[in-house]
PDB file of N, CA and C in Angstrom:
ATOM      1  N   MET A   1      91.256  87.924  97.273  1.00  0.00           N
ATOM      2  CA  MET A   1      91.617  89.192  97.890  1.00  0.00           C
ATOM      3  C   MET A   1      90.374  90.096  97.874  1.00  0.00           C
ATOM      4  N   SER A   2      90.093  90.712  99.007  1.00  0.00           N
ATOM      5  CA  SER A   2      88.924  91.588  99.079  1.00  0.00           C
ATOM      6  C   SER A   2      89.160  92.858  98.269  1.00  0.00           C
ATOM      7  N   ALA A   3      88.074  93.552  97.972  1.00  0.00           N
ATOM      8  CA  ALA A   3      88.168  94.774  97.182  1.00  0.00           C
ATOM      9  C   ALA A   3      89.028  95.826  97.890  1.00  0.00           C
ATOM     10  N   LEU A   4      88.851  95.961  99.207  1.00  0.00           N
ATOM     11  CA  LEU A   4      89.650  96.947  99.943  1.00  0.00           C
ATOM     12  C   LEU A   4      91.126  96.574  99.951  1.00  0.00           C
ATOM     13  N   ASN A   5      91.411  95.296 100.118  1.00  0.00           N
ATOM     14  CA  ASN A   5      92.817  94.864 100.108  1.00  0.00           C
ATOM     15  C   ASN A   5      93.444  95.107  98.740  1.00  0.00           C
ATOM     16  N   GLU A   6      92.655  94.934  97.691  1.00  0.00           N
ATOM     17  CA  GLU A   6      93.152  95.211  96.353  1.00  0.00           C
ATOM     18  C   GLU A   6      93.436  96.707  96.187  1.00  0.00           C
ATOM     19  N   LEU A   7      92.532  97.542  96.713  1.00  0.00           N
ATOM     20  CA  LEU A   7      92.755  98.991  96.669  1.00  0.00           C
ATOM     21  C   LEU A   7      94.016  99.374  97.440  1.00  0.00           C
ATOM     22  N   VAL A   8      94.201  98.755  98.599  1.00  0.00           N
ATOM     23  CA  VAL A   8      95.404  99.034  99.399  1.00  0.00           C
ATOM     24  C   VAL A   8      96.655  98.693  98.597  1.00  0.00           C
ATOM     25  N   ALA A   9      96.658  97.538  97.963  1.00  0.00           N
ATOM     26  CA  ALA A   9      97.827  97.122  97.182  1.00  0.00           C
ATOM     27  C   ALA A   9      98.078  98.085  96.032  1.00  0.00           C
ATOM     28  N   ARG A  10      97.024  98.491  95.346  1.00  0.00           N
ATOM     29  CA  ARG A  10      97.184  99.425  94.231  1.00  0.00           C
ATOM     30  C   ARG A  10      97.648 100.792  94.726  1.00  0.00           C
ATOM     31  N   ALA A  11      97.098 101.250  95.852  1.00  0.00           N
ATOM     32  CA  ALA A  11      97.497 102.551  96.412  1.00  0.00           C
ATOM     33  C   ALA A  11      98.957 102.540  96.832  1.00  0.00           C
ATOM     34  N   ARG A  12      99.372 101.449  97.434  1.00  0.00           N
ATOM     35  CA  ARG A  12     100.787 101.324  97.821  1.00  0.00           C
ATOM     36  C   ARG A  12     101.699 101.348  96.607  1.00  0.00           C
ATOM     37  N   GLY A  13     101.173 100.866  95.484  1.00  0.00           N
ATOM     38  CA  GLY A  13     101.947 100.845  94.245  1.00  0.00           C
ATOM     39  C   GLY A  13     101.971 102.180  93.524  1.00  0.00           C
ATOM     40  N   GLY A  14     101.299 103.177  94.086  1.00  0.00           N
ATOM     41  CA  GLY A  14     101.348 104.507  93.493  1.00  0.00           C
ATOM     42  C   GLY A  14     100.125 104.899  92.688  1.00  0.00           C
ATOM     43  N   ASP A  15      99.079 104.083  92.710  1.00  0.00           N
ATOM     44  CA  ASP A  15      97.852 104.380  91.963  1.00  0.00           C
ATOM     45  C   ASP A  15      97.042 105.432  92.721  1.00  0.00           C
ATOM     46  N   ALA A  16      97.054 106.673  92.220  1.00  0.00           N
ATOM     47  CA  ALA A  16      96.374 107.785  92.892  1.00  0.00           C
ATOM     48  C   ALA A  16      94.866 107.592  92.935  1.00  0.00           C
ATOM     49  N   ALA A  17      94.300 107.017  91.880  1.00  0.00           N
ATOM     50  CA  ALA A  17      92.852 106.781  91.852  1.00  0.00           C
ATOM     51  C   ALA A  17      92.452 105.764  92.925  1.00  0.00           C
ATOM     52  N   ALA A  18      93.264 104.745  93.114  1.00  0.00           N
ATOM     53  CA  ALA A  18      92.994 103.746  94.139  1.00  0.00           C
ATOM     54  C   ALA A  18      93.088 104.362  95.528  1.00  0.00           C
ATOM     55  N   LEU A  19      94.072 105.221  95.729  1.00  0.00           N
ATOM     56  CA  LEU A  19      94.224 105.901  97.018  1.00  0.00           C
ATOM     57  C   LEU A  19      93.013 106.778  97.301  1.00  0.00           C
ATOM     58  N   ASP A  20      92.568 107.514  96.296  1.00  0.00           N
ATOM     59  CA  ASP A  20      91.391 108.365  96.445  1.00  0.00           C
ATOM     60  C   ASP A  20      90.158 107.535  96.801  1.00  0.00           C
ATOM     61  N   GLU A  21      89.968 106.441  96.091  1.00  0.00           N
ATOM     62  CA  GLU A  21      88.810 105.569  96.364  1.00  0.00           C
ATOM     63  C   GLU A  21      88.903 104.954  97.758  1.00  0.00           C
ATOM     64  N   LEU A  22      90.095 104.579  98.166  1.00  0.00           N
ATOM     65  CA  LEU A  22      90.317 103.999  99.488  1.00  0.00           C
ATOM     66  C   LEU A  22      89.945 104.998 100.585  1.00  0.00           C
ATOM     67  N   VAL A  23      90.409 106.227 100.445  1.00  0.00           N
ATOM     68  CA  VAL A  23      90.113 107.271 101.433  1.00  0.00           C
ATOM     69  C   VAL A  23      88.612 107.554 101.463  1.00  0.00           C
ATOM     70  N   ARG A  24      88.010 107.661 100.297  1.00  0.00           N
ATOM     71  CA  ARG A  24      86.565 107.929 100.238  1.00  0.00           C
ATOM     72  C   ARG A  24      85.748 106.797 100.861  1.00  0.00           C
ATOM     73  N   SER A  25      86.251 105.566 100.765  1.00  0.00           N
ATOM     74  CA  SER A  25      85.508 104.420 101.288  1.00  0.00           C
ATOM     75  C   SER A  25      85.440 104.403 102.816  1.00  0.00           C
ATOM     76  N   VAL A  26      86.374 105.081 103.484  1.00  0.00           N
ATOM     77  CA  VAL A  26      86.384 105.073 104.951  1.00  0.00           C
ATOM     78  C   VAL A  26      86.073 106.431 105.570  1.00  0.00           C
ATOM     79  N   ALA A  27      86.020 107.482 104.762  1.00  0.00           N
ATOM     80  CA  ALA A  27      85.876 108.846 105.290  1.00  0.00           C
ATOM     81  C   ALA A  27      84.593 109.037 106.106  1.00  0.00           C
ATOM     82  N   ASP A  28      83.459 108.555 105.622  1.00  0.00           N
ATOM     83  CA  ASP A  28      82.200 108.745 106.347  1.00  0.00           C
ATOM     84  C   ASP A  28      82.204 108.005 107.683  1.00  0.00           C
ATOM     85  N   ASP A  29      82.773 106.807 107.690  1.00  0.00           N
ATOM     86  CA  ASP A  29      82.843 106.041 108.939  1.00  0.00           C
ATOM     87  C   ASP A  29      83.767 106.713 109.949  1.00  0.00           C
ATOM     88  N   VAL A  30      84.870 107.251 109.474  1.00  0.00           N
ATOM     89  CA  VAL A  30      85.806 107.957 110.353  1.00  0.00           C
ATOM     90  C   VAL A  30      85.123 109.198 110.926  1.00  0.00           C
ATOM     91  N   TYR A  31      84.408 109.939 110.072  1.00  0.00           N
ATOM     92  CA  TYR A  31      83.697 111.130 110.550  1.00  0.00           C
ATOM     93  C   TYR A  31      82.649 110.744 111.602  1.00  0.00           C
ATOM     94  N   GLY A  32      81.916 109.677 111.369  1.00  0.00           N
ATOM     95  CA  GLY A  32      80.911 109.229 112.335  1.00  0.00           C
ATOM     96  C   GLY A  32      81.529 108.906 113.690  1.00  0.00           C
ATOM     97  N   LEU A  33      82.651 108.221 113.670  1.00  0.00           N
ATOM     98  CA  LEU A  33      83.339 107.907 114.915  1.00  0.00           C
ATOM     99  C   LEU A  33      83.827 109.186 115.598  1.00  0.00           C
ATOM    100  N   ALA A  34      84.392 110.093 114.812  1.00  0.00           N
ATOM    101  CA  ALA A  34      84.893 111.360 115.369  1.00  0.00           C
ATOM    102  C   ALA A  34      83.748 112.161 115.980  1.00  0.00           C
ATOM    103  N   LEU A  35      82.623 112.188 115.329  1.00  0.00           N
ATOM    104  CA  LEU A  35      81.475 112.932 115.844  1.00  0.00           C
ATOM    105  C   LEU A  35      80.965 112.321 117.153  1.00  0.00           C
ATOM    106  N   ARG A  36      80.931 110.997 117.217  1.00  0.00           N
ATOM    107  CA  ARG A  36      80.490 110.327 118.460  1.00  0.00           C
ATOM    108  C   ARG A  36      81.454 110.584 119.613  1.00  0.00           C
ATOM    109  N   MET A  37      82.727 110.706 119.303  1.00  0.00           N
ATOM    110  CA  MET A  37      83.709 110.882 120.372  1.00  0.00           C
ATOM    111  C   MET A  37      83.940 112.343 120.749  1.00  0.00           C
ATOM    112  N   LEU A  38      83.758 113.255 119.790  1.00  0.00           N
ATOM    113  CA  LEU A  38      84.065 114.666 120.054  1.00  0.00           C
ATOM    114  C   LEU A  38      82.828 115.542 120.206  1.00  0.00           C
ATOM    115  N   TRP A  39      81.696 115.106 119.720  1.00  0.00           N
ATOM    116  CA  TRP A  39      80.388 115.743 119.859  1.00  0.00           C
ATOM    117  C   TRP A  39      80.187 117.003 119.040  1.00  0.00           C
ATOM    118  N   HIS A  40      81.201 117.658 118.594  1.00  0.00           N
ATOM    119  CA  HIS A  40      81.070 118.912 117.853  1.00  0.00           C
ATOM    120  C   HIS A  40      81.406 118.667 116.385  1.00  0.00           C
ATOM    121  N   PRO A  41      80.482 118.985 115.473  1.00  0.00           N
ATOM    122  CA  PRO A  41      80.711 118.707 114.051  1.00  0.00           C
ATOM    123  C   PRO A  41      82.006 119.320 113.501  1.00  0.00           C
ATOM    124  N   GLN A  42      82.325 120.549 113.863  1.00  0.00           N
ATOM    125  CA  GLN A  42      83.545 121.173 113.344  1.00  0.00           C
ATOM    126  C   GLN A  42      84.790 120.450 113.853  1.00  0.00           C
ATOM    127  N   ASP A  43      84.795 120.090 115.129  1.00  0.00           N
ATOM    128  CA  ASP A  43      85.923 119.331 115.681  1.00  0.00           C
ATOM    129  C   ASP A  43      86.036 117.971 114.996  1.00  0.00           C
ATOM    130  N   ALA A  44      84.889 117.355 114.730  1.00  0.00           N
ATOM    131  CA  ALA A  44      84.879 116.046 114.070  1.00  0.00           C
ATOM    132  C   ALA A  44      85.415 116.149 112.649  1.00  0.00           C
ATOM    133  N   GLU A  45      85.041 117.220 111.939  1.00  0.00           N
ATOM    134  CA  GLU A  45      85.545 117.415 110.577  1.00  0.00           C
ATOM    135  C   GLU A  45      87.062 117.606 110.579  1.00  0.00           C
ATOM    136  N   ASP A  46      87.548 118.429 111.497  1.00  0.00           N
ATOM    137  CA  ASP A  46      88.991 118.657 111.599  1.00  0.00           C
ATOM    138  C   ASP A  46      89.730 117.361 111.916  1.00  0.00           C
ATOM    139  N   ALA A  47      89.206 116.620 112.884  1.00  0.00           N
ATOM    140  CA  ALA A  47      89.844 115.360 113.281  1.00  0.00           C
ATOM    141  C   ALA A  47      89.811 114.353 112.139  1.00  0.00           C
ATOM    142  N   THR A  48      88.710 114.321 111.393  1.00  0.00           N
ATOM    143  CA  THR A  48      88.606 113.401 110.263  1.00  0.00           C
ATOM    144  C   THR A  48      89.689 113.683 109.239  1.00  0.00           C
ATOM    145  N   GLN A  49      89.914 114.959 108.928  1.00  0.00           N
ATOM    146  CA  GLN A  49      90.965 115.318 107.978  1.00  0.00           C
ATOM    147  C   GLN A  49      92.335 114.874 108.491  1.00  0.00           C
ATOM    148  N   GLU A  50      92.597 115.112 109.757  1.00  0.00           N
ATOM    149  CA  GLU A  50      93.886 114.718 110.335  1.00  0.00           C
ATOM    150  C   GLU A  50      94.060 113.202 110.305  1.00  0.00           C
ATOM    151  N   ILE A  51      92.992 112.478 110.605  1.00  0.00           N
ATOM    152  CA  ILE A  51      93.052 111.010 110.609  1.00  0.00           C
ATOM    153  C   ILE A  51      93.284 110.489 109.204  1.00  0.00           C
ATOM    154  N   LEU A  52      92.582 111.040 108.224  1.00  0.00           N
ATOM    155  CA  LEU A  52      92.743 110.559 106.853  1.00  0.00           C
ATOM    156  C   LEU A  52      94.150 110.847 106.329  1.00  0.00           C
ATOM    157  N   VAL A  53      94.720 111.979 106.705  1.00  0.00           N
ATOM    158  CA  VAL A  53      96.116 112.260 106.332  1.00  0.00           C
ATOM    159  C   VAL A  53      97.032 111.228 106.973  1.00  0.00           C
ATOM    160  N   ARG A  54      96.771 110.920 108.220  1.00  0.00           N
ATOM    161  CA  ARG A  54      97.581 109.921 108.927  1.00  0.00           C
ATOM    162  C   ARG A  54      97.459 108.543 108.263  1.00  0.00           C
ATOM    163  N   VAL A  55      96.243 108.180 107.862  1.00  0.00           N
ATOM    164  CA  VAL A  55      96.029 106.895 107.183  1.00  0.00           C
ATOM    165  C   VAL A  55      96.827 106.851 105.878  1.00  0.00           C
ATOM    166  N   VAL A  56      96.763 107.924 105.115  1.00  0.00           N
ATOM    167  CA  VAL A  56      97.474 107.965 103.827  1.00  0.00           C
ATOM    168  C   VAL A  56      98.982 107.905 104.040  1.00  0.00           C
ATOM    169  N   THR A  57      99.483 108.685 104.971  1.00  0.00           N
ATOM    170  CA  THR A  57     100.935 108.736 105.160  1.00  0.00           C
ATOM    171  C   THR A  57     101.488 107.481 105.824  1.00  0.00           C
ATOM    172  N   ARG A  58     100.644 106.740 106.496  1.00  0.00           N
ATOM    173  CA  ARG A  58     101.111 105.517 107.173  1.00  0.00           C
ATOM    174  C   ARG A  58     100.588 104.244 106.525  1.00  0.00           C
ATOM    175  N   LEU A  59     100.068 104.364 105.322  1.00  0.00           N
ATOM    176  CA  LEU A  59      99.530 103.197 104.627  1.00  0.00           C
ATOM    177  C   LEU A  59     100.572 102.097 104.489  1.00  0.00           C
ATOM    178  N   SER A  60     101.818 102.479 104.367  1.00  0.00           N
ATOM    179  CA  SER A  60     102.887 101.482 104.228  1.00  0.00           C
ATOM    180  C   SER A  60     103.062 100.638 105.491  1.00  0.00           C
ATOM    181  N   THR A  61     102.556 101.110 106.631  1.00  0.00           N
ATOM    182  CA  THR A  61     102.693 100.346 107.870  1.00  0.00           C
ATOM    183  C   THR A  61     101.553  99.350 108.062  1.00  0.00           C
ATOM    184  N   PHE A  62     100.531  99.410 107.197  1.00  0.00           N
ATOM    185  CA  PHE A  62      99.431  98.441 107.286  1.00  0.00           C
ATOM    186  C   PHE A  62      99.945  97.074 106.868  1.00  0.00           C
ATOM    187  N   ARG A  63      99.939  96.128 107.814  1.00  0.00           N
ATOM    188  CA  ARG A  63     100.510  94.805 107.570  1.00  0.00           C
ATOM    189  C   ARG A  63      99.499  93.808 107.032  1.00  0.00           C
ATOM    190  N   GLY A  64      98.226  94.093 107.201  1.00  0.00           N
ATOM    191  CA  GLY A  64      97.212  93.159 106.733  1.00  0.00           C
ATOM    192  C   GLY A  64      96.856  92.093 107.746  1.00  0.00           C
ATOM    193  N   ASP A  65      97.346  92.228 108.983  1.00  0.00           N
ATOM    194  CA  ASP A  65      96.996  91.263 110.029  1.00  0.00           C
ATOM    195  C   ASP A  65      95.507  91.335 110.362  1.00  0.00           C
ATOM    196  N   ALA A  66      94.939  92.517 110.235  1.00  0.00           N
ATOM    197  CA  ALA A  66      93.514  92.742 110.477  1.00  0.00           C
ATOM    198  C   ALA A  66      92.927  93.326 109.193  1.00  0.00           C
ATOM    199  N   ALA A  67      91.613  93.455 109.176  1.00  0.00           N
ATOM    200  CA  ALA A  67      90.962  94.080 108.031  1.00  0.00           C
ATOM    201  C   ALA A  67      91.394  95.543 107.941  1.00  0.00           C
ATOM    202  N   PHE A  68      91.398  96.083 106.732  1.00  0.00           N
ATOM    203  CA  PHE A  68      91.818  97.469 106.543  1.00  0.00           C
ATOM    204  C   PHE A  68      90.969  98.418 107.374  1.00  0.00           C
ATOM    205  N   ARG A  69      89.649  98.235 107.386  1.00  0.00           N
ATOM    206  CA  ARG A  69      88.762  99.112 108.171  1.00  0.00           C
ATOM    207  C   ARG A  69      89.091  99.034 109.658  1.00  0.00           C
ATOM    208  N   THR A  70      89.428  97.869 110.138  1.00  0.00           N
ATOM    209  CA  THR A  70      89.800  97.713 111.545  1.00  0.00           C
ATOM    210  C   THR A  70      91.047  98.532 111.849  1.00  0.00           C
ATOM    211  N   TRP A  71      92.015  98.476 110.954  1.00  0.00           N
ATOM    212  CA  TRP A  71      93.243  99.256 111.130  1.00  0.00           C
ATOM    213  C   TRP A  71      92.932 100.747 111.127  1.00  0.00           C
ATOM    214  N   VAL A  72      92.088 101.182 110.185  1.00  0.00           N
ATOM    215  CA  VAL A  72      91.715 102.594 110.111  1.00  0.00           C
ATOM    216  C   VAL A  72      91.037 103.025 111.400  1.00  0.00           C
ATOM    217  N   PHE A  73      90.118 102.206 111.918  1.00  0.00           N
ATOM    218  CA  PHE A  73      89.425 102.566 113.154  1.00  0.00           C
ATOM    219  C   PHE A  73      90.388 102.617 114.331  1.00  0.00           C
ATOM    220  N   ARG A  74      91.393 101.784 114.338  1.00  0.00           N
ATOM    221  CA  ARG A  74      92.385 101.829 115.428  1.00  0.00           C
ATOM    222  C   ARG A  74      93.198 103.121 115.336  1.00  0.00           C
ATOM    223  N   VAL A  75      93.611 103.486 114.132  1.00  0.00           N
ATOM    224  CA  VAL A  75      94.321 104.752 113.926  1.00  0.00           C
ATOM    225  C   VAL A  75      93.432 105.908 114.377  1.00  0.00           C
ATOM    226  N   ALA A  76      92.164 105.870 113.964  1.00  0.00           N
ATOM    227  CA  ALA A  76      91.219 106.935 114.306  1.00  0.00           C
ATOM    228  C   ALA A  76      90.988 107.011 115.809  1.00  0.00           C
ATOM    229  N   ALA A  77      90.753 105.869 116.434  1.00  0.00           N
ATOM    230  CA  ALA A  77      90.474 105.854 117.870  1.00  0.00           C
ATOM    231  C   ALA A  77      91.671 106.387 118.660  1.00  0.00           C
ATOM    232  N   ASN A  78      92.870 105.988 118.289  1.00  0.00           N
ATOM    233  CA  ASN A  78      94.060 106.490 118.981  1.00  0.00           C
ATOM    234  C   ASN A  78      94.175 107.999 118.846  1.00  0.00           C
ATOM    235  N   HIS A  79      93.947 108.506 117.649  1.00  0.00           N
ATOM    236  CA  HIS A  79      94.027 109.949 117.428  1.00  0.00           C
ATOM    237  C   HIS A  79      92.945 110.671 118.224  1.00  0.00           C
ATOM    238  N   LEU A  80      91.731 110.149 118.205  1.00  0.00           N
ATOM    239  CA  LEU A  80      90.617 110.814 118.882  1.00  0.00           C
ATOM    240  C   LEU A  80      90.776 110.796 120.406  1.00  0.00           C
ATOM    241  N   LEU A  81      91.302 109.712 120.936  1.00  0.00           N
ATOM    242  CA  LEU A  81      91.538 109.663 122.384  1.00  0.00           C
ATOM    243  C   LEU A  81      92.587 110.684 122.791  1.00  0.00           C
ATOM    244  N   THR A  82      93.622 110.833 121.976  1.00  0.00           N
ATOM    245  CA  THR A  82      94.638 111.850 122.249  1.00  0.00           C
ATOM    246  C   THR A  82      94.034 113.240 122.132  1.00  0.00           C
ATOM    247  N   THR A  83      93.203 113.452 121.130  1.00  0.00           N
ATOM    248  CA  THR A  83      92.552 114.765 120.944  1.00  0.00           C
ATOM    249  C   THR A  83      91.653 115.106 122.119  1.00  0.00           C
ATOM    250  N   ARG A  84      90.900 114.126 122.602  1.00  0.00           N
ATOM    251  CA  ARG A  84      89.989 114.386 123.732  1.00  0.00           C
ATOM    252  C   ARG A  84      90.743 114.721 125.008  1.00  0.00           C
ATOM    253  N   ARG A  85      91.935 114.164 125.177  1.00  0.00           N
ATOM    254  CA  ARG A  85      92.725 114.443 126.391  1.00  0.00           C
ATOM    255  C   ARG A  85      93.218 115.878 126.423  1.00  0.00           C
ATOM    256  N   ARG A  86      93.393 116.496 125.230  1.00  0.00           N
ATOM    257  CA  ARG A  86      93.905 117.871 125.156  1.00  0.00           C
ATOM    258  C   ARG A  86      92.871 118.867 125.590  1.00  0.00           C
TER     259      ARG A  86
END
């Protein structure tokens, strides 16, 4: 089991430290994607926070069919595309 998958399992089990580490492990990548798609640092920061909340609240829906980072990027991309349309 990969380190991220282990963190996901521990976070799902209620381990707050694992959840914190999991979020921190993807936060910079999510911000980078948000900045590339939205171009404005403040908008990217806001979107990153919204995406990370969405990742945390929907962690139970992660099935493991793809890598955790792939799932996070899909969640992020969907959110950012919706944000750009507004």
